[in-house]
PDB file of N, CA and C in Angstrom:
ATOM      1  N   MET A   1       0.838  -1.165   0.000  1.00  0.00           N
ATOM      2  CA  MET A   1       0.000   0.000   0.000  1.00  0.00           C
ATOM      3  C   MET A   1       0.893   1.242   0.000  1.00  0.00           C
ATOM      4  N   GLU A   2       0.650   2.161  -0.903  1.00  0.00           N
ATOM      5  CA  GLU A   2       1.458   3.373  -1.024  1.00  0.00           C
ATOM      6  C   GLU A   2       0.898   4.488  -0.157  1.00  0.00           C
ATOM      7  N   ALA A   3       1.811   5.272   0.399  1.00  0.00           N
ATOM      8  CA  ALA A   3       1.380   6.426   1.192  1.00  0.00           C
ATOM      9  C   ALA A   3       0.923   7.534   0.253  1.00  0.00           C
ATOM     10  N   ALA A   4      -0.048   8.274   0.688  1.00  0.00           N
ATOM     11  CA  ALA A   4      -0.520   9.409  -0.108  1.00  0.00           C
ATOM     12  C   ALA A   4       0.575  10.464  -0.150  1.00  0.00           C
ATOM     13  N   PRO A   5       0.699  11.162  -1.270  1.00  0.00           N
ATOM     14  CA  PRO A   5       1.727  12.201  -1.346  1.00  0.00           C
ATOM     15  C   PRO A   5       1.455  13.300  -0.315  1.00  0.00           C
ATOM     16  N   ALA A   6       2.526  13.880   0.185  1.00  0.00           N
ATOM     17  CA  ALA A   6       2.389  14.966   1.167  1.00  0.00           C
ATOM     18  C   ALA A   6       1.739  16.171   0.509  1.00  0.00           C
ATOM     19  N   ALA A   7       0.953  16.872   1.270  1.00  0.00           N
ATOM     20  CA  ALA A   7       0.300  18.073   0.749  1.00  0.00           C
ATOM     21  C   ALA A   7       1.348  19.147   0.483  1.00  0.00           C
ATOM     22  N   ALA A   8       1.110  19.928  -0.538  1.00  0.00           N
ATOM     23  CA  ALA A   8       2.009  21.033  -0.852  1.00  0.00           C
ATOM     24  C   ALA A   8       1.949  22.063   0.272  1.00  0.00           C
ATOM     25  N   PRO A   9       3.063  22.767   0.541  1.00  0.00           N
ATOM     26  CA  PRO A   9       3.058  23.763   1.616  1.00  0.00           C
ATOM     27  C   PRO A   9       1.944  24.797   1.475  1.00  0.00           C
ATOM     28  N   GLN A  10       1.638  25.208   0.239  1.00  0.00           N
ATOM     29  CA  GLN A  10       0.578  26.193   0.046  1.00  0.00           C
ATOM     30  C   GLN A  10      -0.767  25.635   0.499  1.00  0.00           C
ATOM     31  N   GLN A  11      -1.015  24.368   0.229  1.00  0.00           N
ATOM     32  CA  GLN A  11      -2.280  23.750   0.623  1.00  0.00           C
ATOM     33  C   GLN A  11      -2.361  23.635   2.139  1.00  0.00           C
ATOM     34  N   GLU A  12      -1.239  23.266   2.783  1.00  0.00           N
ATOM     35  CA  GLU A  12      -1.238  23.177   4.240  1.00  0.00           C
ATOM     36  C   GLU A  12      -1.565  24.531   4.854  1.00  0.00           C
ATOM     37  N   ALA A  13      -1.001  25.593   4.297  1.00  0.00           N
ATOM     38  CA  ALA A  13      -1.270  26.933   4.820  1.00  0.00           C
ATOM     39  C   ALA A  13      -2.732  27.305   4.616  1.00  0.00           C
ATOM     40  N   ALA A  14      -3.295  26.937   3.485  1.00  0.00           N
ATOM     41  CA  ALA A  14      -4.695  27.258   3.212  1.00  0.00           C
ATOM     42  C   ALA A  14      -5.628  26.507   4.145  1.00  0.00           C
ATOM     43  N   ASP A  15      -5.243  25.284   4.550  1.00  0.00           N
ATOM     44  CA  ASP A  15      -6.087  24.478   5.426  1.00  0.00           C
ATOM     45  C   ASP A  15      -5.890  24.803   6.910  1.00  0.00           C
ATOM     46  N   ALA A  16      -4.860  25.577   7.237  1.00  0.00           N
ATOM     47  CA  ALA A  16      -4.581  25.896   8.642  1.00  0.00           C
ATOM     48  C   ALA A  16      -5.676  26.795   9.200  1.00  0.00           C
ATOM     49  N   PRO A  17      -5.946  26.659  10.489  1.00  0.00           N
ATOM     50  CA  PRO A  17      -6.951  27.537  11.088  1.00  0.00           C
ATOM     51  C   PRO A  17      -6.538  28.998  10.977  1.00  0.00           C
ATOM     52  N   LYS A  18      -7.533  29.849  10.842  1.00  0.00           N
ATOM     53  CA  LYS A  18      -7.288  31.282  10.756  1.00  0.00           C
ATOM     54  C   LYS A  18      -6.749  31.767  12.108  1.00  0.00           C
ATOM     55  N   ALA A  19      -5.613  32.453  12.094  1.00  0.00           N
ATOM     56  CA  ALA A  19      -5.016  32.925  13.343  1.00  0.00           C
ATOM     57  C   ALA A  19      -4.620  34.385  13.195  1.00  0.00           C
ATOM     58  N   GLU A  20      -4.781  35.115  14.240  1.00  0.00           N
ATOM     59  CA  GLU A  20      -4.359  36.506  14.271  1.00  0.00           C
ATOM     60  C   GLU A  20      -3.696  36.772  15.606  1.00  0.00           C
ATOM     61  N   ARG A  21      -2.875  37.782  15.636  1.00  0.00           N
ATOM     62  CA  ARG A  21      -2.231  38.161  16.884  1.00  0.00           C
ATOM     63  C   ARG A  21      -3.176  39.036  17.696  1.00  0.00           C
ATOM     64  N   VAL A  22      -2.828  39.243  18.927  1.00  0.00           N
ATOM     65  CA  VAL A  22      -3.600  40.134  19.789  1.00  0.00           C
ATOM     66  C   VAL A  22      -3.436  41.560  19.270  1.00  0.00           C
ATOM     67  N   ARG A  23      -4.537  42.257  19.176  1.00  0.00           N
ATOM     68  CA  ARG A  23      -4.515  43.664  18.757  1.00  0.00           C
ATOM     69  C   ARG A  23      -4.906  44.532  19.944  1.00  0.00           C
ATOM     70  N   VAL A  24      -4.275  45.679  20.052  1.00  0.00           N
ATOM     71  CA  VAL A  24      -4.614  46.629  21.109  1.00  0.00           C
ATOM     72  C   VAL A  24      -5.165  47.888  20.447  1.00  0.00           C
ATOM     73  N   VAL A  25      -6.401  48.197  20.806  1.00  0.00           N
ATOM     74  CA  VAL A  25      -7.125  49.322  20.227  1.00  0.00           C
ATOM     75  C   VAL A  25      -7.610  50.191  21.382  1.00  0.00           C
ATOM     76  N   ILE A  26      -7.446  51.496  21.263  1.00  0.00           N
ATOM     77  CA  ILE A  26      -7.938  52.366  22.330  1.00  0.00           C
ATOM     78  C   ILE A  26      -8.858  53.448  21.781  1.00  0.00           C
ATOM     79  N   ARG A  27      -9.758  53.883  22.642  1.00  0.00           N
ATOM     80  CA  ARG A  27     -10.606  55.042  22.353  1.00  0.00           C
ATOM     81  C   ARG A  27     -10.399  56.026  23.492  1.00  0.00           C
ATOM     82  N   CYS A  28      -9.982  57.220  23.167  1.00  0.00           N
ATOM     83  CA  CYS A  28      -9.811  58.264  24.170  1.00  0.00           C
ATOM     84  C   CYS A  28     -11.159  58.943  24.354  1.00  0.00           C
ATOM     85  N   ARG A  29     -11.690  58.834  25.539  1.00  0.00           N
ATOM     86  CA  ARG A  29     -13.031  59.348  25.801  1.00  0.00           C
ATOM     87  C   ARG A  29     -13.034  60.870  25.873  1.00  0.00           C
ATOM     88  N   PRO A  30     -14.185  61.455  25.603  1.00  0.00           N
ATOM     89  CA  PRO A  30     -14.282  62.907  25.778  1.00  0.00           C
ATOM     90  C   PRO A  30     -14.293  63.255  27.265  1.00  0.00           C
ATOM     91  N   LEU A  31     -13.946  64.476  27.573  1.00  0.00           N
ATOM     92  CA  LEU A  31     -14.043  64.933  28.955  1.00  0.00           C
ATOM     93  C   LEU A  31     -15.509  64.945  29.371  1.00  0.00           C
ATOM     94  N   SER A  32     -15.766  64.616  30.610  1.00  0.00           N
ATOM     95  CA  SER A  32     -17.141  64.640  31.118  1.00  0.00           C
ATOM     96  C   SER A  32     -17.572  66.093  31.334  1.00  0.00           C
ATOM     97  N   GLU A  33     -18.874  66.295  31.493  1.00  0.00           N
ATOM     98  CA  GLU A  33     -19.381  67.643  31.763  1.00  0.00           C
ATOM     99  C   GLU A  33     -18.755  68.206  33.034  1.00  0.00           C
ATOM    100  N   ALA A  34     -18.602  67.360  34.046  1.00  0.00           N
ATOM    101  CA  ALA A  34     -17.993  67.805  35.302  1.00  0.00           C
ATOM    102  C   ALA A  34     -16.548  68.251  35.071  1.00  0.00           C
ATOM    103  N   GLU A  35     -15.802  67.490  34.282  1.00  0.00           N
ATOM    104  CA  GLU A  35     -14.408  67.853  34.006  1.00  0.00           C
ATOM    105  C   GLU A  35     -14.333  69.180  33.255  1.00  0.00           C
ATOM    106  N   VAL A  36     -15.221  69.360  32.291  1.00  0.00           N
ATOM    107  CA  VAL A  36     -15.240  70.605  31.520  1.00  0.00           C
ATOM    108  C   VAL A  36     -15.603  71.778  32.425  1.00  0.00           C
ATOM    109  N   SER A  37     -16.629  71.599  33.278  1.00  0.00           N
ATOM    110  CA  SER A  37     -17.056  72.690  34.168  1.00  0.00           C
ATOM    111  C   SER A  37     -15.975  73.049  35.189  1.00  0.00           C
ATOM    112  N   GLU A  38     -15.108  72.104  35.512  1.00  0.00           N
ATOM    113  CA  GLU A  38     -13.988  72.369  36.423  1.00  0.00           C
ATOM    114  C   GLU A  38     -12.805  73.013  35.702  1.00  0.00           C
ATOM    115  N   GLY A  39     -12.915  73.171  34.382  1.00  0.00           N
ATOM    116  CA  GLY A  39     -11.846  73.789  33.610  1.00  0.00           C
ATOM    117  C   GLY A  39     -10.709  72.856  33.258  1.00  0.00           C
ATOM    118  N   ARG A  40     -10.936  71.574  33.375  1.00  0.00           N
ATOM    119  CA  ARG A  40      -9.878  70.611  33.037  1.00  0.00           C
ATOM    120  C   ARG A  40      -9.649  70.580  31.530  1.00  0.00           C
ATOM    121  N   LYS A  41      -8.438  70.260  31.156  1.00  0.00           N
ATOM    122  CA  LYS A  41      -8.049  70.128  29.750  1.00  0.00           C
ATOM    123  C   LYS A  41      -7.475  68.737  29.528  1.00  0.00           C
ATOM    124  N   SER A  42      -7.629  68.230  28.332  1.00  0.00           N
ATOM    125  CA  SER A  42      -7.066  66.924  27.998  1.00  0.00           C
ATOM    126  C   SER A  42      -5.546  67.016  27.946  1.00  0.00           C
ATOM    127  N   VAL A  43      -4.882  65.981  28.405  1.00  0.00           N
ATOM    128  CA  VAL A  43      -3.420  65.918  28.342  1.00  0.00           C
ATOM    129  C   VAL A  43      -2.970  64.979  27.218  1.00  0.00           C
ATOM    130  N   LEU A  44      -3.928  64.547  26.395  1.00  0.00           N
ATOM    131  CA  LEU A  44      -3.628  63.620  25.301  1.00  0.00           C
ATOM    132  C   LEU A  44      -3.724  64.305  23.948  1.00  0.00           C
ATOM    133  N   THR A  45      -2.786  63.980  23.090  1.00  0.00           N
ATOM    134  CA  THR A  45      -2.881  64.343  21.684  1.00  0.00           C
ATOM    135  C   THR A  45      -3.015  63.030  20.929  1.00  0.00           C
ATOM    136  N   VAL A  46      -4.115  62.885  20.206  1.00  0.00           N
ATOM    137  CA  VAL A  46      -4.424  61.634  19.519  1.00  0.00           C
ATOM    138  C   VAL A  46      -4.108  61.782  18.040  1.00  0.00           C
ATOM    139  N   ASN A  47      -3.388  60.811  17.489  1.00  0.00           N
ATOM    140  CA  ASN A  47      -3.117  60.762  16.059  1.00  0.00           C
ATOM    141  C   ASN A  47      -3.678  59.446  15.541  1.00  0.00           C
ATOM    142  N   SER A  48      -4.914  59.487  15.055  1.00  0.00           N
ATOM    143  CA  SER A  48      -5.570  58.264  14.587  1.00  0.00           C
ATOM    144  C   SER A  48      -4.888  57.674  13.362  1.00  0.00           C
ATOM    145  N   LYS A  49      -4.367  58.523  12.477  1.00  0.00           N
ATOM    146  CA  LYS A  49      -3.717  58.015  11.261  1.00  0.00           C
ATOM    147  C   LYS A  49      -2.475  57.198  11.581  1.00  0.00           C
ATOM    148  N   ASN A  50      -1.705  57.638  12.569  1.00  0.00           N
ATOM    149  CA  ASN A  50      -0.492  56.915  12.965  1.00  0.00           C
ATOM    150  C   ASN A  50      -0.732  55.956  14.116  1.00  0.00           C
ATOM    151  N   ALA A  51      -1.980  55.873  14.580  1.00  0.00           N
ATOM    152  CA  ALA A  51      -2.356  54.997  15.701  1.00  0.00           C
ATOM    153  C   ALA A  51      -1.459  55.241  16.911  1.00  0.00           C
ATOM    154  N   SER A  52      -1.324  56.525  17.262  1.00  0.00           N
ATOM    155  CA  SER A  52      -0.475  56.865  18.396  1.00  0.00           C
ATOM    156  C   SER A  52      -1.127  57.923  19.272  1.00  0.00           C
ATOM    157  N   VAL A  53      -0.631  57.988  20.499  1.00  0.00           N
ATOM    158  CA  VAL A  53      -1.113  58.953  21.480  1.00  0.00           C
ATOM    159  C   VAL A  53       0.108  59.570  22.145  1.00  0.00           C
ATOM    160  N   CYS A  54       0.041  60.866  22.374  1.00  0.00           N
ATOM    161  CA  CYS A  54       1.089  61.558  23.120  1.00  0.00           C
ATOM    162  C   CYS A  54       0.462  62.064  24.416  1.00  0.00           C
ATOM    163  N   LEU A  55       1.036  61.669  25.529  1.00  0.00           N
ATOM    164  CA  LEU A  55       0.596  62.105  26.852  1.00  0.00           C
ATOM    165  C   LEU A  55       1.527  63.223  27.300  1.00  0.00           C
ATOM    166  N   GLN A  56       0.963  64.411  27.482  1.00  0.00           N
ATOM    167  CA  GLN A  56       1.767  65.565  27.883  1.00  0.00           C
ATOM    168  C   GLN A  56       1.213  66.142  29.173  1.00  0.00           C
ATOM    169  N   LYS A  57       1.806  65.744  30.291  1.00  0.00           N
ATOM    170  CA  LYS A  57       1.413  66.314  31.577  1.00  0.00           C
ATOM    171  C   LYS A  57       1.995  67.725  31.669  1.00  0.00           C
ATOM    172  N   PRO A  58       1.326  68.618  32.408  1.00  0.00           N
ATOM    173  CA  PRO A  58       1.792  70.011  32.464  1.00  0.00           C
ATOM    174  C   PRO A  58       3.250  70.176  32.891  1.00  0.00           C
ATOM    175  N   ASN A  59       3.712  69.398  33.832  1.00  0.00           N
ATOM    176  CA  ASN A  59       5.079  69.576  34.341  1.00  0.00           C
ATOM    177  C   ASN A  59       5.945  68.346  34.123  1.00  0.00           C
ATOM    178  N   GLY A  60       5.779  67.694  32.996  1.00  0.00           N
ATOM    179  CA  GLY A  60       6.570  66.494  32.761  1.00  0.00           C
ATOM    180  C   GLY A  60       6.889  66.319  31.292  1.00  0.00           C
ATOM    181  N   PRO A  61       7.769  65.373  31.006  1.00  0.00           N
ATOM    182  CA  PRO A  61       8.115  65.114  29.606  1.00  0.00           C
ATOM    183  C   PRO A  61       6.965  64.417  28.876  1.00  0.00           C
ATOM    184  N   ALA A  62       6.922  64.606  27.584  1.00  0.00           N
ATOM    185  CA  ALA A  62       5.909  63.941  26.758  1.00  0.00           C
ATOM    186  C   ALA A  62       6.227  62.457  26.664  1.00  0.00           C
ATOM    187  N   LYS A  63       5.185  61.649  26.674  1.00  0.00           N
ATOM    188  CA  LYS A  63       5.339  60.204  26.498  1.00  0.00           C
ATOM    189  C   LYS A  63       4.500  59.795  25.299  1.00  0.00           C
ATOM    190  N   HIS A  64       5.105  59.024  24.401  1.00  0.00           N
ATOM    191  CA  HIS A  64       4.435  58.599  23.176  1.00  0.00           C
ATOM    192  C   HIS A  64       4.125  57.107  23.251  1.00  0.00           C
ATOM    193  N   PHE A  65       2.932  56.745  22.803  1.00  0.00           N
ATOM    194  CA  PHE A  65       2.487  55.358  22.808  1.00  0.00           C
ATOM    195  C   PHE A  65       1.898  55.025  21.445  1.00  0.00           C
ATOM    196  N   SER A  66       2.180  53.820  20.957  1.00  0.00           N
ATOM    197  CA  SER A  66       1.629  53.351  19.682  1.00  0.00           C
ATOM    198  C   SER A  66       0.745  52.136  19.919  1.00  0.00           C
ATOM    199  N   PHE A  67      -0.310  52.023  19.123  1.00  0.00           N
ATOM    200  CA  PHE A  67      -1.275  50.936  19.240  1.00  0.00           C
ATOM    201  C   PHE A  67      -1.613  50.432  17.845  1.00  0.00           C
ATOM    202  N   ASP A  68      -2.446  49.415  17.774  1.00  0.00           N
ATOM    203  CA  ASP A  68      -2.899  48.926  16.475  1.00  0.00           C
ATOM    204  C   ASP A  68      -3.923  49.876  15.858  1.00  0.00           C
ATOM    205  N   ALA A  69      -4.708  50.526  16.697  1.00  0.00           N
ATOM    206  CA  ALA A  69      -5.661  51.542  16.240  1.00  0.00           C
ATOM    207  C   ALA A  69      -5.963  52.466  17.403  1.00  0.00           C
ATOM    208  N   VAL A  70      -6.198  53.727  17.080  1.00  0.00           N
ATOM    209  CA  VAL A  70      -6.525  54.731  18.090  1.00  0.00           C
ATOM    210  C   VAL A  70      -7.728  55.522  17.590  1.00  0.00           C
ATOM    211  N   TYR A  71      -8.706  55.684  18.460  1.00  0.00           N
ATOM    212  CA  TYR A  71      -9.903  56.461  18.140  1.00  0.00           C
ATOM    213  C   TYR A  71      -9.951  57.663  19.069  1.00  0.00           C
ATOM    214  N   ASP A  72     -10.245  58.828  18.517  1.00  0.00           N
ATOM    215  CA  ASP A  72     -10.341  60.009  19.371  1.00  0.00           C
ATOM    216  C   ASP A  72     -11.747  60.141  19.935  1.00  0.00           C
ATOM    217  N   GLU A  73     -11.962  61.201  20.703  1.00  0.00           N
ATOM    218  CA  GLU A  73     -13.234  61.365  21.396  1.00  0.00           C
ATOM    219  C   GLU A  73     -14.420  61.605  20.465  1.00  0.00           C
ATOM    220  N   SER A  74     -14.170  61.887  19.193  1.00  0.00           N
ATOM    221  CA  SER A  74     -15.283  62.102  18.262  1.00  0.00           C
ATOM    222  C   SER A  74     -15.901  60.789  17.779  1.00  0.00           C
ATOM    223  N   VAL A  75     -15.215  59.675  17.980  1.00  0.00           N
ATOM    224  CA  VAL A  75     -15.717  58.375  17.528  1.00  0.00           C
ATOM    225  C   VAL A  75     -16.597  57.782  18.626  1.00  0.00           C
ATOM    226  N   SER A  76     -17.786  57.339  18.235  1.00  0.00           N
ATOM    227  CA  SER A  76     -18.728  56.766  19.201  1.00  0.00           C
ATOM    228  C   SER A  76     -18.316  55.352  19.595  1.00  0.00           C
ATOM    229  N   GLN A  77     -18.901  54.877  20.678  1.00  0.00           N
ATOM    230  CA  GLN A  77     -18.677  53.492  21.090  1.00  0.00           C
ATOM    231  C   GLN A  77     -19.123  52.551  19.974  1.00  0.00           C
ATOM    232  N   GLU A  78     -20.230  52.899  19.312  1.00  0.00           N
ATOM    233  CA  GLU A  78     -20.722  52.068  18.212  1.00  0.00           C
ATOM    234  C   GLU A  78     -19.710  52.011  17.071  1.00  0.00           C
ATOM    235  N   GLY A  79     -19.071  53.142  16.792  1.00  0.00           N
ATOM    236  CA  GLY A  79     -18.054  53.183  15.743  1.00  0.00           C
ATOM    237  C   GLY A  79     -16.859  52.303  16.068  1.00  0.00           C
ATOM    238  N   VAL A  80     -16.434  52.334  17.316  1.00  0.00           N
ATOM    239  CA  VAL A  80     -15.322  51.480  17.745  1.00  0.00           C
ATOM    240  C   VAL A  80     -15.726  50.015  17.622  1.00  0.00           C
ATOM    241  N   TYR A  81     -16.946  49.691  18.046  1.00  0.00           N
ATOM    242  CA  TYR A  81     -17.430  48.307  17.941  1.00  0.00           C
ATOM    243  C   TYR A  81     -17.411  47.846  16.487  1.00  0.00           C
ATOM    244  N   GLU A  82     -17.956  48.658  15.595  1.00  0.00           N
ATOM    245  CA  GLU A  82     -18.004  48.278  14.178  1.00  0.00           C
ATOM    246  C   GLU A  82     -16.607  48.023  13.617  1.00  0.00           C
ATOM    247  N   ASP A  83     -15.657  48.890  13.954  1.00  0.00           N
ATOM    248  CA  ASP A  83     -14.307  48.765  13.410  1.00  0.00           C
ATOM    249  C   ASP A  83     -13.468  47.692  14.093  1.00  0.00           C
ATOM    250  N   ALA A  84     -13.591  47.576  15.414  1.00  0.00           N
ATOM    251  CA  ALA A  84     -12.644  46.750  16.162  1.00  0.00           C
ATOM    252  C   ALA A  84     -13.194  45.429  16.664  1.00  0.00           C
ATOM    253  N   ALA A  85     -14.492  45.340  16.915  1.00  0.00           N
ATOM    254  CA  ALA A  85     -15.026  44.132  17.552  1.00  0.00           C
ATOM    255  C   ALA A  85     -15.968  43.324  16.673  1.00  0.00           C
ATOM    256  N   TYR A  86     -16.635  43.959  15.757  1.00  0.00           N
ATOM    257  CA  TYR A  86     -17.648  43.275  14.956  1.00  0.00           C
ATOM    258  C   TYR A  86     -17.091  42.030  14.265  1.00  0.00           C
ATOM    259  N   GLY A  87     -15.914  42.141  13.664  1.00  0.00           N
ATOM    260  CA  GLY A  87     -15.313  40.996  12.975  1.00  0.00           C
ATOM    261  C   GLY A  87     -15.036  39.830  13.907  1.00  0.00           C
ATOM    262  N   ILE A  88     -14.647  40.131  15.136  1.00  0.00           N
ATOM    263  CA  ILE A  88     -14.400  39.075  16.119  1.00  0.00           C
ATOM    264  C   ILE A  88     -15.706  38.377  16.463  1.00  0.00           C
ATOM    265  N   VAL A  89     -16.744  39.158  16.699  1.00  0.00           N
ATOM    266  CA  VAL A  89     -18.055  38.583  17.025  1.00  0.00           C
ATOM    267  C   VAL A  89     -18.553  37.716  15.873  1.00  0.00           C
ATOM    268  N   GLU A  90     -18.408  38.180  14.656  1.00  0.00           N
ATOM    269  CA  GLU A  90     -18.817  37.392  13.488  1.00  0.00           C
ATOM    270  C   GLU A  90     -18.037  36.082  13.407  1.00  0.00           C
ATOM    271  N   SER A  91     -16.734  36.127  13.653  1.00  0.00           N
ATOM    272  CA  SER A  91     -15.915  34.912  13.615  1.00  0.00           C
ATOM    273  C   SER A  91     -16.365  33.907  14.666  1.00  0.00           C
ATOM    274  N   VAL A  92     -16.709  34.393  15.852  1.00  0.00           N
ATOM    275  CA  VAL A  92     -17.180  33.502  16.918  1.00  0.00           C
ATOM    276  C   VAL A  92     -18.467  32.810  16.492  1.00  0.00           C
ATOM    277  N   THR A  93     -19.362  33.540  15.820  1.00  0.00           N
ATOM    278  CA  THR A  93     -20.618  32.921  15.378  1.00  0.00           C
ATOM    279  C   THR A  93     -20.383  31.891  14.279  1.00  0.00           C
ATOM    280  N   GLU A  94     -19.193  31.938  13.659  1.00  0.00           N
ATOM    281  CA  GLU A  94     -18.839  30.957  12.632  1.00  0.00           C
ATOM    282  C   GLU A  94     -18.014  29.805  13.204  1.00  0.00           C
ATOM    283  N   GLY A  95     -17.833  29.774  14.519  1.00  0.00           N
ATOM    284  CA  GLY A  95     -17.139  28.659  15.151  1.00  0.00           C
ATOM    285  C   GLY A  95     -15.699  28.909  15.533  1.00  0.00           C
ATOM    286  N   TYR A  96     -15.174  30.084  15.249  1.00  0.00           N
ATOM    287  CA  TYR A  96     -13.796  30.397  15.633  1.00  0.00           C
ATOM    288  C   TYR A  96     -13.762  30.889  17.073  1.00  0.00           C
ATOM    289  N   ASN A  97     -12.599  30.815  17.685  1.00  0.00           N
ATOM    290  CA  ASN A  97     -12.413  31.391  19.013  1.00  0.00           C
ATOM    291  C   ASN A  97     -12.145  32.881  18.867  1.00  0.00           C
ATOM    292  N   GLY A  98     -12.571  33.635  19.836  1.00  0.00           N
ATOM    293  CA  GLY A  98     -12.323  35.071  19.810  1.00  0.00           C
ATOM    294  C   GLY A  98     -12.564  35.672  21.174  1.00  0.00           C
ATOM    295  N   ALA A  99     -11.947  36.794  21.418  1.00  0.00           N
ATOM    296  CA  ALA A  99     -12.145  37.483  22.693  1.00  0.00           C
ATOM    297  C   ALA A  99     -11.983  38.979  22.495  1.00  0.00           C
ATOM    298  N   CYS A 100     -12.816  39.720  23.177  1.00  0.00           N
ATOM    299  CA  CYS A 100     -12.709  41.179  23.247  1.00  0.00           C
ATOM    300  C   CYS A 100     -12.670  41.544  24.717  1.00  0.00           C
ATOM    301  N   CYS A 101     -11.709  42.312  25.097  1.00  0.00           N
ATOM    302  CA  CYS A 101     -11.614  42.767  26.484  1.00  0.00           C
ATOM    303  C   CYS A 101     -11.687  44.286  26.486  1.00  0.00           C
ATOM    304  N   THR A 102     -12.425  44.816  27.416  1.00  0.00           N
ATOM    305  CA  THR A 102     -12.493  46.266  27.545  1.00  0.00           C
ATOM    306  C   THR A 102     -12.073  46.652  28.945  1.00  0.00           C
ATOM    307  N   GLN A 103     -11.537  47.836  29.049  1.00  0.00           N
ATOM    308  CA  GLN A 103     -11.148  48.346  30.353  1.00  0.00           C
ATOM    309  C   GLN A 103     -11.477  49.821  30.391  1.00  0.00           C
ATOM    310  N   ARG A 104     -11.955  50.230  31.502  1.00  0.00           N
ATOM    311  CA  ARG A 104     -12.309  51.627  31.694  1.00  0.00           C
ATOM    312  C   ARG A 104     -11.661  52.076  32.997  1.00  0.00           C
ATOM    313  N   PRO A 105     -10.998  53.217  32.974  1.00  0.00           N
ATOM    314  CA  PRO A 105     -10.386  53.665  34.224  1.00  0.00           C
ATOM    315  C   PRO A 105     -11.453  53.988  35.260  1.00  0.00           C
ATOM    316  N   THR A 106     -11.121  53.765  36.496  1.00  0.00           N
ATOM    317  CA  THR A 106     -12.063  54.111  37.555  1.00  0.00           C
ATOM    318  C   THR A 106     -12.061  55.616  37.739  1.00  0.00           C
ATOM    319  N   GLU A 107     -13.215  56.136  38.073  1.00  0.00           N
ATOM    320  CA  GLU A 107     -13.337  57.574  38.284  1.00  0.00           C
ATOM    321  C   GLU A 107     -13.276  57.866  39.774  1.00  0.00           C
ATOM    322  N   PRO A 108     -12.662  58.973  40.132  1.00  0.00           N
ATOM    323  CA  PRO A 108     -12.623  59.309  41.559  1.00  0.00           C
ATOM    324  C   PRO A 108     -14.027  59.586  42.082  1.00  0.00           C
ATOM    325  N   ASN A 109     -14.259  59.269  43.336  1.00  0.00           N
ATOM    326  CA  ASN A 109     -15.579  59.499  43.942  1.00  0.00           C
ATOM    327  C   ASN A 109     -15.743  60.932  44.368  1.00  0.00           C
TER     328      ASN A 109
END
């Protein structure tokens, strides 16, 4: 009995499960009404095209951070969901594994 020929590398890659790396996406929220009424200003400069954020505290050096995607305060939660999470949810409904994690900073009391 002869062994079946080995699959070509291209075919093996095509048959492999779909895999993606972890992506980090952030949305910089708008200031709350309370923050605005207190005269607070944002310390973030958001560059959505370069997927980066610059944190500039009043008395400190600027710190730059890069992500897979960055949304500024003009983008709604629904917009972030459509761009960043919808595809994951669709994949899960098709039998793939997927996870979305969200984190929100705690607000002072």
